[in-house]
Amino acid sequence: NEVLLLLDTEGLGDPEKGDTANDHSIYLLAILLSSILIYNGKNKIDQQ
């Protein structure tokens, strides 16, 4: 009685686009629309 809706977003910091404001809008929309937000990071949890 439920459906899984997956939302794949454009990656942050794409050098081809070079538009941080657009990055902000996409991330903002992902937060507003989702019930579960996955942050996909690399290698380890560090200060960066």
PDB file of all heavy atoms in Angstrom:
ATOM      1  N   ASN A   1       0.810  -1.222   0.000  1.00  0.00           N
ATOM      2  CA  ASN A   1       0.000   0.000   0.000  1.00  0.00           C
ATOM      3  C   ASN A   1       0.840   1.267   0.000  1.00  0.00           C
ATOM      4  O   ASN A   1       0.346   2.364   0.293  1.00  0.00           O
ATOM      5  CB  ASN A   1      -0.943   0.002   1.212  1.00  0.00           C
ATOM      6  CG  ASN A   1      -1.958  -1.125   1.147  1.00  0.00           C
ATOM      7  OD1 ASN A   1      -2.468  -1.438   0.078  1.00  0.00           O
ATOM      8  ND2 ASN A   1      -2.238  -1.735   2.278  1.00  0.00           N
ATOM      9  N   GLU A   2       2.112   1.118  -0.340  1.00  0.00           N
ATOM     10  CA  GLU A   2       3.009   2.265  -0.428  1.00  0.00           C
ATOM     11  C   GLU A   2       3.890   2.140  -1.665  1.00  0.00           C
ATOM     12  O   GLU A   2       4.036   1.059  -2.230  1.00  0.00           O
ATOM     13  CB  GLU A   2       3.886   2.367   0.833  1.00  0.00           C
ATOM     14  CG  GLU A   2       3.113   2.654   2.102  1.00  0.00           C
ATOM     15  CD  GLU A   2       3.967   2.568   3.347  1.00  0.00           C
ATOM     16  OE1 GLU A   2       5.186   2.352   3.216  1.00  0.00           O
ATOM     17  OE2 GLU A   2       3.409   2.693   4.440  1.00  0.00           O
ATOM     18  N   VAL A   3       4.476   3.248  -2.074  1.00  0.00           N
ATOM     19  CA  VAL A   3       5.351   3.286  -3.248  1.00  0.00           C
ATOM     20  C   VAL A   3       6.665   3.937  -2.854  1.00  0.00           C
ATOM     21  O   VAL A   3       6.694   4.881  -2.063  1.00  0.00           O
ATOM     22  CB  VAL A   3       4.679   4.063  -4.409  1.00  0.00           C
ATOM     23  CG1 VAL A   3       5.697   4.476  -5.452  1.00  0.00           C
ATOM     24  CG2 VAL A   3       3.598   3.224  -5.067  1.00  0.00           C
ATOM     25  N   LEU A   4       7.756   3.423  -3.412  1.00  0.00           N
ATOM     26  CA  LEU A   4       9.077   4.004  -3.193  1.00  0.00           C
ATOM     27  C   LEU A   4       9.388   4.937  -4.360  1.00  0.00           C
ATOM     28  O   LEU A   4       9.384   4.526  -5.518  1.00  0.00           O
ATOM     29  CB  LEU A   4      10.129   2.896  -3.113  1.00  0.00           C
ATOM     30  CG  LEU A   4      11.593   3.346  -2.990  1.00  0.00           C
ATOM     31  CD1 LEU A   4      11.821   4.073  -1.666  1.00  0.00           C
ATOM     32  CD2 LEU A   4      12.533   2.152  -3.113  1.00  0.00           C
ATOM     33  N   LEU A   5       9.615   6.208  -4.056  1.00  0.00           N
ATOM     34  CA  LEU A   5       9.982   7.183  -5.080  1.00  0.00           C
ATOM     35  C   LEU A   5      11.442   7.566  -4.859  1.00  0.00           C
ATOM     36  O   LEU A   5      11.789   8.147  -3.833  1.00  0.00           O
ATOM     37  CB  LEU A   5       9.088   8.423  -5.001  1.00  0.00           C
ATOM     38  CG  LEU A   5       9.405   9.536  -6.003  1.00  0.00           C
ATOM     39  CD1 LEU A   5       9.224   9.043  -7.435  1.00  0.00           C
ATOM     40  CD2 LEU A   5       8.547  10.770  -5.749  1.00  0.00           C
ATOM     41  N   LEU A   6      12.286   7.236  -5.824  1.00  0.00           N
ATOM     42  CA  LEU A   6      13.716   7.531  -5.747  1.00  0.00           C
ATOM     43  C   LEU A   6      14.018   8.801  -6.537  1.00  0.00           C
ATOM     44  O   LEU A   6      13.588   8.940  -7.687  1.00  0.00           O
ATOM     45  CB  LEU A   6      14.520   6.359  -6.316  1.00  0.00           C
ATOM     46  CG  LEU A   6      14.319   5.002  -5.621  1.00  0.00           C
ATOM     47  CD1 LEU A   6      15.027   3.901  -6.392  1.00  0.00           C
ATOM     48  CD2 LEU A   6      14.820   5.055  -4.179  1.00  0.00           C
ATOM     49  N   LEU A   7      14.761   9.707  -5.922  1.00  0.00           N
ATOM     50  CA  LEU A   7      15.141  10.966  -6.571  1.00  0.00           C
ATOM     51  C   LEU A   7      16.664  11.047  -6.633  1.00  0.00           C
ATOM     52  O   LEU A   7      17.337  11.117  -5.600  1.00  0.00           O
ATOM     53  CB  LEU A   7      14.590  12.168  -5.800  1.00  0.00           C
ATOM     54  CG  LEU A   7      13.068  12.248  -5.643  1.00  0.00           C
ATOM     55  CD1 LEU A   7      12.690  13.497  -4.850  1.00  0.00           C
ATOM     56  CD2 LEU A   7      12.367  12.252  -6.998  1.00  0.00           C
ATOM     57  N   ASP A   8      17.198  10.997  -7.841  1.00  0.00           N
ATOM     58  CA  ASP A   8      18.642  11.072  -8.075  1.00  0.00           C
ATOM     59  C   ASP A   8      18.986  12.500  -8.476  1.00  0.00           C
ATOM     60  O   ASP A   8      18.479  13.014  -9.478  1.00  0.00           O
ATOM     61  CB  ASP A   8      19.020  10.088  -9.190  1.00  0.00           C
ATOM     62  CG  ASP A   8      20.532   9.970  -9.351  1.00  0.00           C
ATOM     63  OD1 ASP A   8      21.258  10.418  -8.443  1.00  0.00           O
ATOM     64  OD2 ASP A   8      20.968   9.438 -10.386  1.00  0.00           O
ATOM     65  N   THR A   9      19.818  13.159  -7.685  1.00  0.00           N
ATOM     66  CA  THR A   9      20.086  14.585  -7.906  1.00  0.00           C
ATOM     67  C   THR A   9      21.422  14.822  -8.610  1.00  0.00           C
ATOM     68  O   THR A   9      22.342  14.009  -8.530  1.00  0.00           O
ATOM     69  CB  THR A   9      20.104  15.360  -6.579  1.00  0.00           C
ATOM     70  OG1 THR A   9      21.238  14.933  -5.802  1.00  0.00           O
ATOM     71  CG2 THR A   9      18.830  15.108  -5.792  1.00  0.00           C
ATOM     72  N   GLU A  10      21.483  15.937  -9.258  1.00  0.00           N
ATOM     73  CA  GLU A  10      22.730  16.380  -9.887  1.00  0.00           C
ATOM     74  C   GLU A  10      23.793  16.591  -8.821  1.00  0.00           C
ATOM     75  O   GLU A  10      23.518  17.112  -7.735  1.00  0.00           O
ATOM     76  CB  GLU A  10      22.448  17.685 -10.637  1.00  0.00           C
ATOM     77  CG  GLU A  10      23.625  18.248 -11.400  1.00  0.00           C
ATOM     78  CD  GLU A  10      23.212  19.441 -12.245  1.00  0.00           C
ATOM     79  OE1 GLU A  10      22.007  19.582 -12.536  1.00  0.00           O
ATOM     80  OE2 GLU A  10      24.102  20.228 -12.594  1.00  0.00           O
ATOM     81  N   GLY A  11      25.027  16.190  -9.122  1.00  0.00           N
ATOM     82  CA  GLY A  11      26.101  16.276  -8.137  1.00  0.00           C
ATOM     83  C   GLY A  11      26.539  17.695  -7.845  1.00  0.00           C
ATOM     84  O   GLY A  11      26.490  18.581  -8.705  1.00  0.00           O
ATOM     85  N   LEU A  12      26.947  17.897  -6.617  1.00  0.00           N
ATOM     86  CA  LEU A  12      27.422  19.211  -6.176  1.00  0.00           C
ATOM     87  C   LEU A  12      28.814  19.482  -6.738  1.00  0.00           C
ATOM     88  O   LEU A  12      29.671  18.615  -6.771  1.00  0.00           O
ATOM     89  CB  LEU A  12      27.465  19.242  -4.646  1.00  0.00           C
ATOM     90  CG  LEU A  12      28.054  20.471  -3.978  1.00  0.00           C
ATOM     91  CD1 LEU A  12      27.177  21.680  -4.246  1.00  0.00           C
ATOM     92  CD2 LEU A  12      28.211  20.242  -2.484  1.00  0.00           C
ATOM     93  N   GLY A  13      29.004  20.715  -7.199  1.00  0.00           N
ATOM     94  CA  GLY A  13      30.333  21.128  -7.621  1.00  0.00           C
ATOM     95  C   GLY A  13      30.744  20.644  -8.989  1.00  0.00           C
ATOM     96  O   GLY A  13      31.939  20.441  -9.250  1.00  0.00           O
ATOM     97  N   ASP A  14      29.782  20.462  -9.913  1.00  0.00           N
ATOM     98  CA  ASP A  14      30.118  20.054 -11.271  1.00  0.00           C
ATOM     99  C   ASP A  14      30.885  21.192 -11.946  1.00  0.00           C
ATOM    100  O   ASP A  14      30.348  22.285 -12.139  1.00  0.00           O
ATOM    101  CB  ASP A  14      28.830  19.741 -12.046  1.00  0.00           C
ATOM    102  CG  ASP A  14      29.091  19.333 -13.486  1.00  0.00           C
ATOM    103  OD1 ASP A  14      30.278  19.167 -13.836  1.00  0.00           O
ATOM    104  OD2 ASP A  14      28.114  19.155 -14.239  1.00  0.00           O
ATOM    105  N   PRO A  15      32.159  20.975 -12.344  1.00  0.00           N
ATOM    106  CA  PRO A  15      32.953  22.062 -12.933  1.00  0.00           C
ATOM    107  C   PRO A  15      32.401  22.554 -14.262  1.00  0.00           C
ATOM    108  O   PRO A  15      32.630  23.698 -14.648  1.00  0.00           O
ATOM    109  CB  PRO A  15      34.336  21.430 -13.111  1.00  0.00           C
ATOM    110  CG  PRO A  15      34.090  19.953 -13.142  1.00  0.00           C
ATOM    111  CD  PRO A  15      32.919  19.722 -12.241  1.00  0.00           C
ATOM    112  N   GLU A  16      31.650  21.688 -14.979  1.00  0.00           N
ATOM    113  CA  GLU A  16      31.071  22.116 -16.258  1.00  0.00           C
ATOM    114  C   GLU A  16      30.003  23.184 -16.058  1.00  0.00           C
ATOM    115  O   GLU A  16      29.837  24.082 -16.870  1.00  0.00           O
ATOM    116  CB  GLU A  16      30.438  20.921 -16.972  1.00  0.00           C
ATOM    117  CG  GLU A  16      31.453  19.990 -17.604  1.00  0.00           C
ATOM    118  CD  GLU A  16      30.756  18.929 -18.435  1.00  0.00           C
ATOM    119  OE1 GLU A  16      29.878  19.280 -19.240  1.00  0.00           O
ATOM    120  OE2 GLU A  16      31.089  17.752 -18.271  1.00  0.00           O
ATOM    121  N   LYS A  17      29.263  23.048 -14.954  1.00  0.00           N
ATOM    122  CA  LYS A  17      28.158  23.976 -14.732  1.00  0.00           C
ATOM    123  C   LYS A  17      28.641  25.251 -14.053  1.00  0.00           C
ATOM    124  O   LYS A  17      28.334  26.360 -14.492  1.00  0.00           O
ATOM    125  CB  LYS A  17      27.070  23.301 -13.870  1.00  0.00           C
ATOM    126  CG  LYS A  17      25.816  24.136 -13.736  1.00  0.00           C
ATOM    127  CD  LYS A  17      24.710  23.355 -13.058  1.00  0.00           C
ATOM    128  CE  LYS A  17      25.021  23.058 -11.613  1.00  0.00           C
ATOM    129  NZ  LYS A  17      23.880  22.465 -10.906  1.00  0.00           N
ATOM    130  N   GLY A  18      29.380  25.087 -12.972  1.00  0.00           N
ATOM    131  CA  GLY A  18      29.926  26.244 -12.278  1.00  0.00           C
ATOM    132  C   GLY A  18      28.888  27.190 -11.734  1.00  0.00           C
ATOM    133  O   GLY A  18      29.099  28.403 -11.694  1.00  0.00           O
ATOM    134  N   ASP A  19      27.734  26.655 -11.328  1.00  0.00           N
ATOM    135  CA  ASP A  19      26.626  27.491 -10.845  1.00  0.00           C
ATOM    136  C   ASP A  19      26.223  27.010  -9.456  1.00  0.00           C
ATOM    137  O   ASP A  19      25.419  26.107  -9.300  1.00  0.00           O
ATOM    138  CB  ASP A  19      25.447  27.385 -11.814  1.00  0.00           C
ATOM    139  CG  ASP A  19      24.317  28.342 -11.463  1.00  0.00           C
ATOM    140  OD1 ASP A  19      24.373  28.942 -10.374  1.00  0.00           O
ATOM    141  OD2 ASP A  19      23.377  28.460 -12.255  1.00  0.00           O
ATOM    142  N   THR A  20      26.801  27.634  -8.427  1.00  0.00           N
ATOM    143  CA  THR A  20      26.509  27.197  -7.064  1.00  0.00           C
ATOM    144  C   THR A  20      25.071  27.507  -6.668  1.00  0.00           C
ATOM    145  O   THR A  20      24.471  26.773  -5.886  1.00  0.00           O
ATOM    146  CB  THR A  20      27.469  27.875  -6.064  1.00  0.00           C
ATOM    147  OG1 THR A  20      27.375  29.292  -6.220  1.00  0.00           O
ATOM    148  CG2 THR A  20      28.897  27.428  -6.308  1.00  0.00           C
ATOM    149  N   ALA A  21      24.504  28.588  -7.206  1.00  0.00           N
ATOM    150  CA  ALA A  21      23.118  28.935  -6.870  1.00  0.00           C
ATOM    151  C   ALA A  21      22.176  27.839  -7.326  1.00  0.00           C
ATOM    152  O   ALA A  21      21.222  27.488  -6.632  1.00  0.00           O
ATOM    153  CB  ALA A  21      22.740  30.268  -7.519  1.00  0.00           C
ATOM    154  N   ASN A  22      22.447  27.273  -8.503  1.00  0.00           N
ATOM    155  CA  ASN A  22      21.618  26.182  -9.009  1.00  0.00           C
ATOM    156  C   ASN A  22      21.810  24.927  -8.171  1.00  0.00           C
ATOM    157  O   ASN A  22      20.861  24.190  -7.919  1.00  0.00           O
ATOM    158  CB  ASN A  22      21.952  25.913 -10.474  1.00  0.00           C
ATOM    159  CG  ASN A  22      20.942  25.012 -11.142  1.00  0.00           C
ATOM    160  OD1 ASN A  22      21.191  23.825 -11.337  1.00  0.00           O
ATOM    161  ND2 ASN A  22      19.794  25.560 -11.489  1.00  0.00           N
ATOM    162  N   ASP A  23      23.055  24.680  -7.731  1.00  0.00           N
ATOM    163  CA  ASP A  23      23.319  23.563  -6.805  1.00  0.00           C
ATOM    164  C   ASP A  23      22.468  23.708  -5.554  1.00  0.00           C
ATOM    165  O   ASP A  23      21.872  22.744  -5.074  1.00  0.00           O
ATOM    166  CB  ASP A  23      24.802  23.537  -6.411  1.00  0.00           C
ATOM    167  CG  ASP A  23      25.690  23.004  -7.521  1.00  0.00           C
ATOM    168  OD1 ASP A  23      25.155  22.398  -8.472  1.00  0.00           O
ATOM    169  OD2 ASP A  23      26.917  23.205  -7.435  1.00  0.00           O
ATOM    170  N   HIS A  24      22.427  24.926  -5.029  1.00  0.00           N
ATOM    171  CA  HIS A  24      21.655  25.199  -3.821  1.00  0.00           C
ATOM    172  C   HIS A  24      20.176  24.857  -4.040  1.00  0.00           C
ATOM    173  O   HIS A  24      19.539  24.240  -3.179  1.00  0.00           O
ATOM    174  CB  HIS A  24      21.791  26.675  -3.416  1.00  0.00           C
ATOM    175  CG  HIS A  24      23.166  27.045  -2.991  1.00  0.00           C
ATOM    176  ND1 HIS A  24      23.531  28.335  -2.680  1.00  0.00           N
ATOM    177  CD2 HIS A  24      24.287  26.299  -2.820  1.00  0.00           C
ATOM    178  CE1 HIS A  24      24.807  28.370  -2.332  1.00  0.00           C
ATOM    179  NE2 HIS A  24      25.286  27.149  -2.420  1.00  0.00           N
ATOM    180  N   SER A  25      19.641  25.269  -5.180  1.00  0.00           N
ATOM    181  CA  SER A  25      18.218  25.042  -5.469  1.00  0.00           C
ATOM    182  C   SER A  25      17.903  23.548  -5.538  1.00  0.00           C
ATOM    183  O   SER A  25      16.881  23.087  -5.025  1.00  0.00           O
ATOM    184  CB  SER A  25      17.830  25.717  -6.790  1.00  0.00           C
ATOM    185  OG  SER A  25      17.968  27.112  -6.694  1.00  0.00           O
ATOM    186  N   ILE A  26      18.771  22.780  -6.183  1.00  0.00           N
ATOM    187  CA  ILE A  26      18.547  21.339  -6.323  1.00  0.00           C
ATOM    188  C   ILE A  26      18.618  20.650  -4.963  1.00  0.00           C
ATOM    189  O   ILE A  26      17.768  19.822  -4.622  1.00  0.00           O
ATOM    190  CB  ILE A  26      19.564  20.728  -7.305  1.00  0.00           C
ATOM    191  CG1 ILE A  26      19.221  21.179  -8.733  1.00  0.00           C
ATOM    192  CG2 ILE A  26      19.562  19.207  -7.221  1.00  0.00           C
ATOM    193  CD1 ILE A  26      20.212  20.746  -9.780  1.00  0.00           C
ATOM    194  N   TYR A  27      19.626  21.001  -4.162  1.00  0.00           N
ATOM    195  CA  TYR A  27      19.748  20.391  -2.835  1.00  0.00           C
ATOM    196  C   TYR A  27      18.576  20.782  -1.956  1.00  0.00           C
ATOM    197  O   TYR A  27      18.044  19.971  -1.203  1.00  0.00           O
ATOM    198  CB  TYR A  27      21.072  20.835  -2.185  1.00  0.00           C
ATOM    199  CG  TYR A  27      22.205  19.910  -2.471  1.00  0.00           C
ATOM    200  CD1 TYR A  27      22.577  19.631  -3.784  1.00  0.00           C
ATOM    201  CD2 TYR A  27      22.925  19.303  -1.446  1.00  0.00           C
ATOM    202  CE1 TYR A  27      23.622  18.782  -4.059  1.00  0.00           C
ATOM    203  CE2 TYR A  27      23.987  18.447  -1.718  1.00  0.00           C
ATOM    204  CZ  TYR A  27      24.329  18.194  -3.026  1.00  0.00           C
ATOM    205  OH  TYR A  27      25.355  17.345  -3.294  1.00  0.00           O
ATOM    206  N   LEU A  28      18.185  22.043  -2.059  1.00  0.00           N
ATOM    207  CA  LEU A  28      17.062  22.545  -1.274  1.00  0.00           C
ATOM    208  C   LEU A  28      15.787  21.784  -1.620  1.00  0.00           C
ATOM    209  O   LEU A  28      15.017  21.374  -0.744  1.00  0.00           O
ATOM    210  CB  LEU A  28      16.879  24.032  -1.557  1.00  0.00           C
ATOM    211  CG  LEU A  28      16.008  24.845  -0.607  1.00  0.00           C
ATOM    212  CD1 LEU A  28      16.532  24.762   0.801  1.00  0.00           C
ATOM    213  CD2 LEU A  28      15.953  26.290  -1.065  1.00  0.00           C
ATOM    214  N   LEU A  29      15.579  21.573  -2.901  1.00  0.00           N
ATOM    215  CA  LEU A  29      14.393  20.847  -3.356  1.00  0.00           C
ATOM    216  C   LEU A  29      14.428  19.409  -2.869  1.00  0.00           C
ATOM    217  O   LEU A  29      13.395  18.842  -2.476  1.00  0.00           O
ATOM    218  CB  LEU A  29      14.324  20.896  -4.881  1.00  0.00           C
ATOM    219  CG  LEU A  29      12.977  20.560  -5.528  1.00  0.00           C
ATOM    220  CD1 LEU A  29      11.863  21.440  -4.975  1.00  0.00           C
ATOM    221  CD2 LEU A  29      13.069  20.699  -7.037  1.00  0.00           C
ATOM    222  N   ALA A  30      15.606  18.784  -2.879  1.00  0.00           N
ATOM    223  CA  ALA A  30      15.737  17.405  -2.403  1.00  0.00           C
ATOM    224  C   ALA A  30      15.351  17.296  -0.931  1.00  0.00           C
ATOM    225  O   ALA A  30      14.663  16.356  -0.515  1.00  0.00           O
ATOM    226  CB  ALA A  30      17.175  16.909  -2.608  1.00  0.00           C
ATOM    227  N   ILE A  31      15.768  18.279  -0.135  1.00  0.00           N
ATOM    228  CA  ILE A  31      15.431  18.283   1.290  1.00  0.00           C
ATOM    229  C   ILE A  31      13.927  18.451   1.486  1.00  0.00           C
ATOM    230  O   ILE A  31      13.293  17.753   2.286  1.00  0.00           O
ATOM    231  CB  ILE A  31      16.196  19.407   2.022  1.00  0.00           C
ATOM    232  CG1 ILE A  31      17.696  19.090   2.073  1.00  0.00           C
ATOM    233  CG2 ILE A  31      15.655  19.610   3.436  1.00  0.00           C
ATOM    234  CD1 ILE A  31      18.541  20.231   2.603  1.00  0.00           C
ATOM    235  N   LEU A  32      13.339  19.367   0.736  1.00  0.00           N
ATOM    236  CA  LEU A  32      11.914  19.676   0.897  1.00  0.00           C
ATOM    237  C   LEU A  32      11.007  18.547   0.440  1.00  0.00           C
ATOM    238  O   LEU A  32       9.915  18.371   0.981  1.00  0.00           O
ATOM    239  CB  LEU A  32      11.577  20.951   0.117  1.00  0.00           C
ATOM    240  CG  LEU A  32      12.153  22.250   0.678  1.00  0.00           C
ATOM    241  CD1 LEU A  32      12.035  23.364  -0.351  1.00  0.00           C
ATOM    242  CD2 LEU A  32      11.461  22.641   1.972  1.00  0.00           C
ATOM    243  N   LEU A  33      11.448  17.788  -0.553  1.00  0.00           N
ATOM    244  CA  LEU A  33      10.579  16.766  -1.136  1.00  0.00           C
ATOM    245  C   LEU A  33      10.743  15.385  -0.515  1.00  0.00           C
ATOM    246  O   LEU A  33       9.847  14.555  -0.625  1.00  0.00           O
ATOM    247  CB  LEU A  33      10.842  16.654  -2.648  1.00  0.00           C
ATOM    248  CG  LEU A  33      10.472  17.864  -3.507  1.00  0.00           C
ATOM    249  CD1 LEU A  33      10.809  17.583  -4.969  1.00  0.00           C
ATOM    250  CD2 LEU A  33       8.996  18.215  -3.363  1.00  0.00           C
ATOM    251  N   SER A  34      11.853  15.118   0.124  1.00  0.00           N
ATOM    252  CA  SER A  34      12.137  13.746   0.553  1.00  0.00           C
ATOM    253  C   SER A  34      11.719  13.471   1.992  1.00  0.00           C
ATOM    254  O   SER A  34      11.590  14.374   2.813  1.00  0.00           O
ATOM    255  CB  SER A  34      13.625  13.432   0.376  1.00  0.00           C
ATOM    256  OG  SER A  34      14.420  14.333   1.119  1.00  0.00           O
ATOM    257  N   SER A  35      11.505  12.194   2.269  1.00  0.00           N
ATOM    258  CA  SER A  35      11.282  11.749   3.648  1.00  0.00           C
ATOM    259  C   SER A  35      12.541  11.092   4.200  1.00  0.00           C
ATOM    260  O   SER A  35      12.715  10.980   5.407  1.00  0.00           O
ATOM    261  CB  SER A  35      10.103  10.776   3.717  1.00  0.00           C
ATOM    262  OG  SER A  35      10.279   9.676   2.851  1.00  0.00           O
ATOM    263  N   ILE A  36      13.425  10.629   3.293  1.00  0.00           N
ATOM    264  CA  ILE A  36      14.734  10.103   3.672  1.00  0.00           C
ATOM    265  C   ILE A  36      15.772  10.746   2.761  1.00  0.00           C
ATOM    266  O   ILE A  36      15.648  10.679   1.534  1.00  0.00           O
ATOM    267  CB  ILE A  36      14.802   8.568   3.542  1.00  0.00           C
ATOM    268  CG1 ILE A  36      13.771   7.895   4.451  1.00  0.00           C
ATOM    269  CG2 ILE A  36      16.207   8.053   3.871  1.00  0.00           C
ATOM    270  CD1 ILE A  36      13.712   6.382   4.290  1.00  0.00           C
ATOM    271  N   LEU A  37      16.774  11.377   3.333  1.00  0.00           N
ATOM    272  CA  LEU A  37      17.828  12.027   2.567  1.00  0.00           C
ATOM    273  C   LEU A  37      19.128  11.245   2.746  1.00  0.00           C
ATOM    274  O   LEU A  37      19.623  11.098   3.860  1.00  0.00           O
ATOM    275  CB  LEU A  37      18.016  13.467   3.042  1.00  0.00           C
ATOM    276  CG  LEU A  37      19.062  14.288   2.280  1.00  0.00           C
ATOM    277  CD1 LEU A  37      18.552  14.656   0.891  1.00  0.00           C
ATOM    278  CD2 LEU A  37      19.423  15.561   3.060  1.00  0.00           C
ATOM    279  N   ILE A  38      19.678  10.736   1.630  1.00  0.00           N
ATOM    280  CA  ILE A  38      20.947  10.006   1.670  1.00  0.00           C
ATOM    281  C   ILE A  38      22.065  10.950   1.251  1.00  0.00           C
ATOM    282  O   ILE A  38      22.005  11.559   0.168  1.00  0.00           O
ATOM    283  CB  ILE A  38      20.919   8.784   0.731  1.00  0.00           C
ATOM    284  CG1 ILE A  38      19.854   7.786   1.179  1.00  0.00           C
ATOM    285  CG2 ILE A  38      22.283   8.112   0.694  1.00  0.00           C
ATOM    286  CD1 ILE A  38      19.718   6.574   0.262  1.00  0.00           C
ATOM    287  N   TYR A  39      23.066  11.075   2.111  1.00  0.00           N
ATOM    288  CA  TYR A  39      24.264  11.836   1.760  1.00  0.00           C
ATOM    289  C   TYR A  39      25.345  10.846   1.375  1.00  0.00           C
ATOM    290  O   TYR A  39      25.765  10.015   2.170  1.00  0.00           O
ATOM    291  CB  TYR A  39      24.711  12.695   2.944  1.00  0.00           C
ATOM    292  CG  TYR A  39      25.986  13.457   2.675  1.00  0.00           C
ATOM    293  CD1 TYR A  39      25.996  14.565   1.845  1.00  0.00           C
ATOM    294  CD2 TYR A  39      27.189  13.046   3.244  1.00  0.00           C
ATOM    295  CE1 TYR A  39      27.166  15.266   1.592  1.00  0.00           C
ATOM    296  CE2 TYR A  39      28.367  13.740   3.000  1.00  0.00           C
ATOM    297  CZ  TYR A  39      28.353  14.843   2.174  1.00  0.00           C
ATOM    298  OH  TYR A  39      29.513  15.517   1.918  1.00  0.00           O
ATOM    299  N   ASN A  40      25.775  10.918   0.125  1.00  0.00           N
ATOM    300  CA  ASN A  40      26.742   9.963  -0.422  1.00  0.00           C
ATOM    301  C   ASN A  40      28.137  10.583  -0.358  1.00  0.00           C
ATOM    302  O   ASN A  40      28.456  11.500  -1.121  1.00  0.00           O
ATOM    303  CB  ASN A  40      26.355   9.640  -1.872  1.00  0.00           C
ATOM    304  CG  ASN A  40      27.145   8.468  -2.428  1.00  0.00           C
ATOM    305  OD1 ASN A  40      27.049   7.366  -1.916  1.00  0.00           O
ATOM    306  ND2 ASN A  40      27.927   8.720  -3.472  1.00  0.00           N
ATOM    307  N   GLY A  41      28.956  10.102   0.594  1.00  0.00           N
ATOM    308  CA  GLY A  41      30.306  10.629   0.774  1.00  0.00           C
ATOM    309  C   GLY A  41      31.356   9.595   0.427  1.00  0.00           C
ATOM    310  O   GLY A  41      31.056   8.417   0.221  1.00  0.00           O
ATOM    311  N   LYS A  42      32.607  10.028   0.361  1.00  0.00           N
ATOM    312  CA  LYS A  42      33.703   9.145  -0.043  1.00  0.00           C
ATOM    313  C   LYS A  42      34.708   8.945   1.073  1.00  0.00           C
ATOM    314  O   LYS A  42      35.041   9.862   1.822  1.00  0.00           O
ATOM    315  CB  LYS A  42      34.420   9.732  -1.263  1.00  0.00           C
ATOM    316  CG  LYS A  42      33.568   9.793  -2.522  1.00  0.00           C
ATOM    317  CD  LYS A  42      33.409   8.443  -3.191  1.00  0.00           C
ATOM    318  CE  LYS A  42      34.594   8.097  -4.043  1.00  0.00           C
ATOM    319  NZ  LYS A  42      34.400   6.848  -4.812  1.00  0.00           N
ATOM    320  N   ASN A  43      35.154   7.709   1.200  1.00  0.00           N
ATOM    321  CA  ASN A  43      36.328   7.299   1.976  1.00  0.00           C
ATOM    322  C   ASN A  43      36.180   7.299   3.496  1.00  0.00           C
ATOM    323  O   ASN A  43      36.457   6.290   4.155  1.00  0.00           O
ATOM    324  CB  ASN A  43      37.554   8.139   1.608  1.00  0.00           C
ATOM    325  CG  ASN A  43      37.859   8.077   0.125  1.00  0.00           C
ATOM    326  OD1 ASN A  43      37.914   9.111  -0.523  1.00  0.00           O
ATOM    327  ND2 ASN A  43      38.016   6.893  -0.438  1.00  0.00           N
ATOM    328  N   LYS A  44      35.716   8.405   4.081  1.00  0.00           N
ATOM    329  CA  LYS A  44      35.677   8.467   5.549  1.00  0.00           C
ATOM    330  C   LYS A  44      34.874   9.699   5.974  1.00  0.00           C
ATOM    331  O   LYS A  44      34.507  10.549   5.160  1.00  0.00           O
ATOM    332  CB  LYS A  44      37.090   8.549   6.124  1.00  0.00           C
ATOM    333  CG  LYS A  44      37.871   9.750   5.607  1.00  0.00           C
ATOM    334  CD  LYS A  44      39.309   9.740   6.109  1.00  0.00           C
ATOM    335  CE  LYS A  44      40.091  10.914   5.503  1.00  0.00           C
ATOM    336  NZ  LYS A  44      41.487  10.943   5.990  1.00  0.00           N
ATOM    337  N   ILE A  45      34.596   9.780   7.272  1.00  0.00           N
ATOM    338  CA  ILE A  45      33.992  10.983   7.841  1.00  0.00           C
ATOM    339  C   ILE A  45      35.119  11.818   8.430  1.00  0.00           C
ATOM    340  O   ILE A  45      35.750  11.428   9.413  1.00  0.00           O
ATOM    341  CB  ILE A  45      32.960  10.637   8.940  1.00  0.00           C
ATOM    342  CG1 ILE A  45      31.841   9.759   8.379  1.00  0.00           C
ATOM    343  CG2 ILE A  45      32.368  11.919   9.525  1.00  0.00           C
ATOM    344  CD1 ILE A  45      30.831   9.309   9.427  1.00  0.00           C
ATOM    345  N   ASP A  46      35.395  12.953   7.811  1.00  0.00           N
ATOM    346  CA  ASP A  46      36.442  13.829   8.314  1.00  0.00           C
ATOM    347  C   ASP A  46      35.921  15.269   8.328  1.00  0.00           C
ATOM    348  O   ASP A  46      34.759  15.524   8.015  1.00  0.00           O
ATOM    349  CB  ASP A  46      37.715  13.710   7.473  1.00  0.00           C
ATOM    350  CG  ASP A  46      37.467  13.998   5.996  1.00  0.00           C
ATOM    351  OD1 ASP A  46      36.371  14.504   5.662  1.00  0.00           O
ATOM    352  OD2 ASP A  46      38.348  13.698   5.176  1.00  0.00           O
ATOM    353  N   GLN A  47      36.800  16.178   8.696  1.00  0.00           N
ATOM    354  CA  GLN A  47      36.388  17.572   8.810  1.00  0.00           C
ATOM    355  C   GLN A  47      35.867  18.113   7.483  1.00  0.00           C
ATOM    356  O   GLN A  47      34.889  18.869   7.447  1.00  0.00           O
ATOM    357  CB  GLN A  47      37.574  18.423   9.300  1.00  0.00           C
ATOM    358  CG  GLN A  47      37.234  19.852   9.637  1.00  0.00           C
ATOM    359  CD  GLN A  47      36.342  19.987  10.867  1.00  0.00           C
ATOM    360  OE1 GLN A  47      36.099  19.014  11.583  1.00  0.00           O
ATOM    361  NE2 GLN A  47      35.848  21.197  11.112  1.00  0.00           N
ATOM    362  N   GLN A  48      36.494  17.700   6.379  1.00  0.00           N
ATOM    363  CA  GLN A  48      36.077  18.202   5.077  1.00  0.00           C
ATOM    364  C   GLN A  48      34.683  17.688   4.704  1.00  0.00           C
ATOM    365  O   GLN A  48      33.842  18.433   4.207  1.00  0.00           O
ATOM    366  CB  GLN A  48      37.086  17.784   3.994  1.00  0.00           C
ATOM    367  CG  GLN A  48      36.756  18.352   2.610  1.00  0.00           C
ATOM    368  CD  GLN A  48      36.650  19.863   2.597  1.00  0.00           C
ATOM    369  OE1 GLN A  48      37.559  20.560   3.059  1.00  0.00           O
ATOM    370  NE2 GLN A  48      35.537  20.392   2.092  1.00  0.00           N
TER     371      GLN A  48
END
